[in-house]
Amino acid sequence: MPLCYGEDFEANDMSIDDWNFADINAGKELETIFPLSARARSLLVRNRPKPLLKEYGFIAALGAIEMLEGLEYHHDNIIMISGALARGDMVPATSVNHEAIAYINRLGQFYYFAKSHLVLAAVVDFAAAIPTICKFMVFRNKTTAHRSIDAPKKDDTEDSKIAQARALSSTMGTLFSPRPNARPMQHPELGVPIERDAIEQWMQREFWTCNFRTFQTFDLAIGSHVNFTVELEHPKIMSEAYGVLERVILFE
């Protein structure tokens, strides 16, 4: 059967029975397969007869696995860029912001997969299954899908619109959170003349060596600020997402 769209593709070719996929991790125990997106692909291939993989359920599940791949991709890029900044490389710090925005948009895609009619068959209370993902949807709804300052809802206040517009921007400051067990930030030796560019490069290295980049917004629904640090929250997000996929794929 075809592995991509072509002249022979028909709209009803949506069952896993109509497609041929190899398990690139054949022979490995599922628990040993990483990253989790690769584990989810193997889980899907090894459970072809399951009922929710018939018709459009297969396409929906496969797309959700690609969402996991996207989350992993943008998370890994954040780690790579942060490492470059910690070395003092000439990398725009806003690159981390752009990756975080892309990460949150993938997060939003998975949220809507998790609350879809297909998933409802296997996961009755989707919000209970993905509490971390739900918590950070405020970033997606008010900043990344569109900004509340541009397309406000009735409950948006002037203060909340400004806070949400700044959430994933470098405008008016940058927020950091200490890395676990990080050494104390060091300071230039007092009394030793240092060029301005050298001071800025030192500050960049120290901040990115000792801290995570953190993003903050205001959530009117709970009446408080929400902090999002991709590197800290990613393991929980991936665990929740894989858990939903597992329940959908294995559903009888």
Protein backbone atom coordinates (compact mmCIF):
# COMPACT_ATOMS: atom_id res chain seq x y z
CA MET A 1 0.00 0.00 0.00
CA PRO A 2 1.16 3.59 -0.56
CA LEU A 3 3.14 5.31 2.17
CA CYS A 4 2.34 8.83 0.96
CA TYR A 5 -0.41 10.67 -0.84
CA GLY A 6 -0.53 9.98 -4.55
CA GLU A 7 -2.87 9.22 -7.41
CA ASP A 8 -3.89 5.93 -5.80
CA PHE A 9 -4.78 7.51 -2.44
CA GLU A 10 -8.48 7.52 -1.57
CA ALA A 11 -10.18 9.42 1.24
CA ASN A 12 -11.42 6.18 2.81
CA ASP A 13 -7.90 4.72 3.17
CA MET A 14 -7.89 5.62 6.84
CA SER A 15 -7.68 2.24 8.56
CA ILE A 16 -4.34 0.94 9.73
CA ASP A 17 -5.18 -2.17 7.67
CA ASP A 18 -4.64 -0.09 4.51
CA TRP A 19 -1.11 0.96 5.45
CA ASN A 20 2.18 -0.83 5.96
CA PHE A 21 4.43 0.28 8.82
CA ALA A 22 7.57 -1.39 10.10
CA ASP A 23 8.49 -1.43 13.77
CA ILE A 24 12.00 0.05 13.76
CA ASN A 25 12.36 -1.10 17.37
CA ALA A 26 11.30 -4.68 16.75
CA GLY A 27 12.61 -7.02 19.44
CA LYS A 28 12.95 -4.30 22.06
CA GLU A 29 10.81 -4.15 25.17
CA LEU A 30 8.53 -1.11 25.02
CA GLU A 31 9.82 0.21 28.35
CA THR A 32 13.34 0.43 26.91
CA ILE A 33 12.39 2.50 23.86
CA PHE A 34 13.15 6.21 23.95
CA PRO A 35 12.19 8.86 23.16
CA LEU A 36 8.54 8.37 24.03
CA SER A 37 7.40 9.28 20.52
CA ALA A 38 9.37 6.28 19.20
CA ARG A 39 7.82 4.08 21.90
CA ALA A 40 4.36 5.27 20.85
CA ARG A 41 5.06 4.38 17.20
CA SER A 42 6.14 0.88 18.19
CA LEU A 43 3.08 0.53 20.42
CA LEU A 44 0.85 1.46 17.50
CA VAL A 45 2.49 -0.94 15.04
CA ARG A 46 2.40 -3.81 17.55
CA ASN A 47 -1.32 -3.35 18.14
CA ARG A 48 -2.69 -3.10 14.62
CA PRO A 49 -5.87 -5.13 15.36
CA LYS A 50 -7.13 -2.74 18.08
CA PRO A 51 -10.54 -1.23 17.26
CA LEU A 52 -9.71 2.48 17.59
CA LEU A 53 -7.05 2.14 14.87
CA LYS A 54 -9.71 1.41 12.29
CA GLU A 55 -10.99 4.16 10.01
CA TYR A 56 -10.00 7.69 11.05
CA GLY A 57 -8.72 6.62 14.47
CA PHE A 58 -5.46 5.48 12.94
CA ILE A 59 -4.85 8.83 11.23
CA ALA A 60 -5.72 10.68 14.45
CA ALA A 61 -3.39 8.53 16.57
CA LEU A 62 -0.54 8.78 14.09
CA GLY A 63 -0.91 12.56 14.02
CA ALA A 64 -0.81 12.64 17.82
CA ILE A 65 2.45 10.67 17.76
CA GLU A 66 3.86 13.32 15.42
CA MET A 67 2.80 15.93 18.00
CA LEU A 68 4.97 14.11 20.55
CA GLU A 69 7.84 14.19 18.06
CA GLY A 70 7.34 17.94 17.72
CA LEU A 71 7.38 18.45 21.49
CA GLU A 72 10.63 16.49 21.73
CA TYR A 73 12.14 18.40 18.82
CA HIS A 74 11.45 21.85 20.25
CA HIS A 75 12.45 20.78 23.78
CA ASP A 76 15.78 19.47 22.48
CA ASN A 77 16.35 22.70 20.54
CA ILE A 78 15.79 24.72 23.72
CA ILE A 79 18.44 22.64 25.49
CA MET A 80 20.84 23.09 22.56
CA ILE A 81 20.33 26.86 22.32
CA SER A 82 20.56 27.31 26.09
CA GLY A 83 23.85 25.39 26.06
CA ALA A 84 25.21 27.62 23.32
CA LEU A 85 24.27 30.72 25.28
CA ALA A 86 25.92 29.28 28.40
CA ARG A 87 29.13 28.89 26.38
CA GLY A 88 28.95 32.52 25.31
CA ASP A 89 28.21 31.73 21.68
CA MET A 90 26.75 34.47 19.54
CA VAL A 91 23.21 33.07 19.45
CA PRO A 92 20.08 35.24 19.75
CA ALA A 93 18.54 34.53 23.16
CA THR A 94 15.12 35.04 21.58
CA SER A 95 15.65 31.75 19.72
CA VAL A 96 14.57 30.05 22.95
CA ASN A 97 11.35 32.08 22.86
CA HIS A 98 10.61 30.97 19.30
CA GLU A 99 11.14 27.33 20.22
CA ALA A 100 8.91 27.70 23.28
CA ILE A 101 6.14 29.19 21.14
CA ALA A 102 6.37 26.25 18.73
CA TYR A 103 6.42 23.83 21.69
CA ILE A 104 3.24 25.33 23.15
CA ASN A 105 1.45 25.17 19.81
CA ARG A 106 2.22 21.43 19.61
CA LEU A 107 1.00 21.18 23.20
CA GLY A 108 -2.27 22.78 22.13
CA GLN A 109 -2.65 20.33 19.26
CA PHE A 110 -2.33 17.42 21.66
CA TYR A 111 -4.81 18.99 24.07
CA TYR A 112 -7.48 18.99 21.36
CA PHE A 113 -6.61 15.44 20.36
CA ALA A 114 -7.03 14.41 24.01
CA LYS A 115 -10.51 15.94 24.23
CA SER A 116 -11.65 14.58 20.85
CA HIS A 117 -14.55 12.19 20.37
CA LEU A 118 -12.12 9.40 19.46
CA VAL A 119 -10.20 9.66 22.73
CA LEU A 120 -13.41 9.93 24.75
CA ALA A 121 -14.03 6.23 24.06
CA ALA A 122 -10.88 5.32 25.99
CA VAL A 123 -10.36 8.31 28.31
CA VAL A 124 -13.61 9.56 29.83
CA ASP A 125 -12.04 12.38 31.89
CA PHE A 126 -9.39 13.79 29.59
CA ALA A 127 -8.55 16.73 31.90
CA ALA A 128 -7.68 14.36 34.74
CA ALA A 129 -5.35 12.48 32.38
CA ILE A 130 -3.40 15.57 31.25
CA PRO A 131 -3.36 18.06 34.16
CA THR A 132 0.04 19.56 33.25
CA ILE A 133 -0.96 20.07 29.63
CA CYS A 134 -4.22 21.70 30.74
CA LYS A 135 -2.37 24.02 33.13
CA PHE A 136 -0.25 25.53 30.36
CA MET A 137 -3.00 25.87 27.75
CA VAL A 138 -3.41 29.48 28.91
CA PHE A 139 -0.15 30.23 27.04
CA ARG A 140 -1.55 28.68 23.89
CA ASN A 141 -4.99 30.30 24.14
CA LYS A 142 -3.85 33.79 25.09
CA THR A 143 -0.42 34.14 23.48
CA THR A 144 0.66 31.62 20.83
CA ALA A 145 -2.48 30.68 18.86
CA HIS A 146 -3.26 34.39 18.94
CA ARG A 147 -2.58 37.13 21.48
CA SER A 148 -5.36 38.34 23.73
CA ILE A 149 -4.11 41.89 23.16
CA ASP A 150 -4.98 41.45 19.46
CA ALA A 151 -8.15 39.36 19.78
CA PRO A 152 -9.51 39.84 23.32
CA LYS A 153 -12.35 37.85 24.84
CA LYS A 154 -14.99 39.39 27.09
CA ASP A 155 -13.19 38.36 30.28
CA ASP A 156 -9.78 39.76 29.26
CA THR A 157 -8.72 42.80 31.27
CA GLU A 158 -6.23 45.46 30.21
CA ASP A 159 -3.69 44.19 32.74
CA SER A 160 -4.11 40.56 31.70
CA LYS A 161 -3.75 41.42 28.00
CA ILE A 162 -0.44 43.17 28.67
CA ALA A 163 0.83 40.31 30.85
CA GLN A 164 -0.16 37.75 28.23
CA ALA A 165 1.41 39.76 25.40
CA ARG A 166 4.71 39.77 27.32
CA ALA A 167 4.50 36.09 28.27
CA LEU A 168 6.68 34.72 25.46
CA SER A 169 8.34 37.96 24.47
CA SER A 170 11.64 39.51 25.51
CA THR A 171 9.80 42.81 26.01
CA MET A 172 10.36 44.41 29.41
CA GLY A 173 12.61 41.78 30.94
CA THR A 174 13.49 38.10 30.95
CA LEU A 175 12.62 35.63 33.70
CA PHE A 176 14.95 32.85 34.87
CA SER A 177 14.61 30.00 37.38
CA PRO A 178 17.62 28.42 39.15
CA ARG A 179 18.76 25.05 37.88
CA PRO A 180 18.78 22.32 40.55
CA ASN A 181 22.13 22.14 42.33
CA ALA A 182 23.55 24.91 40.16
CA ARG A 183 26.61 26.68 41.51
CA PRO A 184 26.10 30.27 42.72
CA MET A 185 26.36 32.83 39.96
CA GLN A 186 29.86 34.31 39.86
CA HIS A 187 30.70 38.00 39.52
CA PRO A 188 33.50 39.93 37.82
CA GLU A 189 36.49 40.61 40.04
CA LEU A 190 36.05 43.97 41.73
CA GLY A 191 38.50 46.68 40.75
CA VAL A 192 39.47 45.01 37.48
CA PRO A 193 38.48 47.08 34.41
CA ILE A 194 36.24 45.10 32.06
CA GLU A 195 34.96 46.14 28.65
CA ARG A 196 31.19 46.53 28.36
CA ASP A 197 30.94 43.77 25.73
CA ALA A 198 32.88 41.43 28.00
CA ILE A 199 30.53 42.17 30.91
CA GLU A 200 27.49 41.42 28.77
CA GLN A 201 29.03 38.18 27.55
CA TRP A 202 29.87 37.20 31.14
CA MET A 203 26.29 37.93 32.21
CA GLN A 204 24.95 35.82 29.37
CA ARG A 205 27.16 32.86 30.30
CA GLU A 206 26.33 33.07 34.00
CA PHE A 207 22.57 33.41 33.54
CA TRP A 208 22.30 30.53 31.09
CA THR A 209 24.73 28.30 32.99
CA CYS A 210 22.95 28.64 36.33
CA ASN A 211 19.32 29.07 35.25
CA PHE A 212 16.49 27.87 33.08
CA ARG A 213 14.59 30.33 30.89
CA THR A 214 11.12 30.63 32.38
CA PHE A 215 7.98 32.16 30.86
CA GLN A 216 5.19 33.76 32.86
CA THR A 217 1.62 34.71 32.08
CA PHE A 218 -1.51 35.63 33.99
CA ASP A 219 -4.41 33.18 34.06
CA LEU A 220 -7.69 34.94 34.79
CA ALA A 221 -9.44 31.61 35.37
CA ILE A 222 -7.38 30.96 38.51
CA GLY A 223 -6.58 34.57 39.33
CA SER A 224 -2.80 34.19 39.48
CA HIS A 225 0.40 34.03 37.46
CA VAL A 226 1.54 30.78 35.85
CA ASN A 227 5.22 30.05 35.28
CA PHE A 228 6.30 27.69 32.49
CA THR A 229 9.82 26.25 32.27
CA VAL A 230 9.92 23.91 29.27
CA GLU A 231 12.90 21.85 30.46
CA LEU A 232 11.28 21.20 33.86
CA GLU A 233 7.75 20.48 32.63
CA HIS A 234 8.62 18.46 29.51
CA PRO A 235 8.98 15.04 31.24
CA LYS A 236 5.53 15.39 32.86
CA ILE A 237 3.96 16.59 29.62
CA MET A 238 5.41 13.69 27.65
CA SER A 239 4.36 11.17 30.27
CA GLU A 240 0.78 12.45 30.21
CA ALA A 241 0.64 12.50 26.41
CA TYR A 242 2.06 9.00 26.07
CA GLY A 243 -0.39 7.76 28.69
CA VAL A 244 -3.34 9.03 26.65
CA LEU A 245 -2.01 7.48 23.46
CA GLU A 246 -1.41 4.18 25.20
CA ARG A 247 -5.00 4.04 26.43
CA VAL A 248 -6.35 4.91 22.97
CA ILE A 249 -4.19 2.38 21.12
CA LEU A 250 -4.85 -0.47 23.58
CA PHE A 251 -8.58 0.21 23.93
CA GLU A 252 -10.75 -2.87 23.34
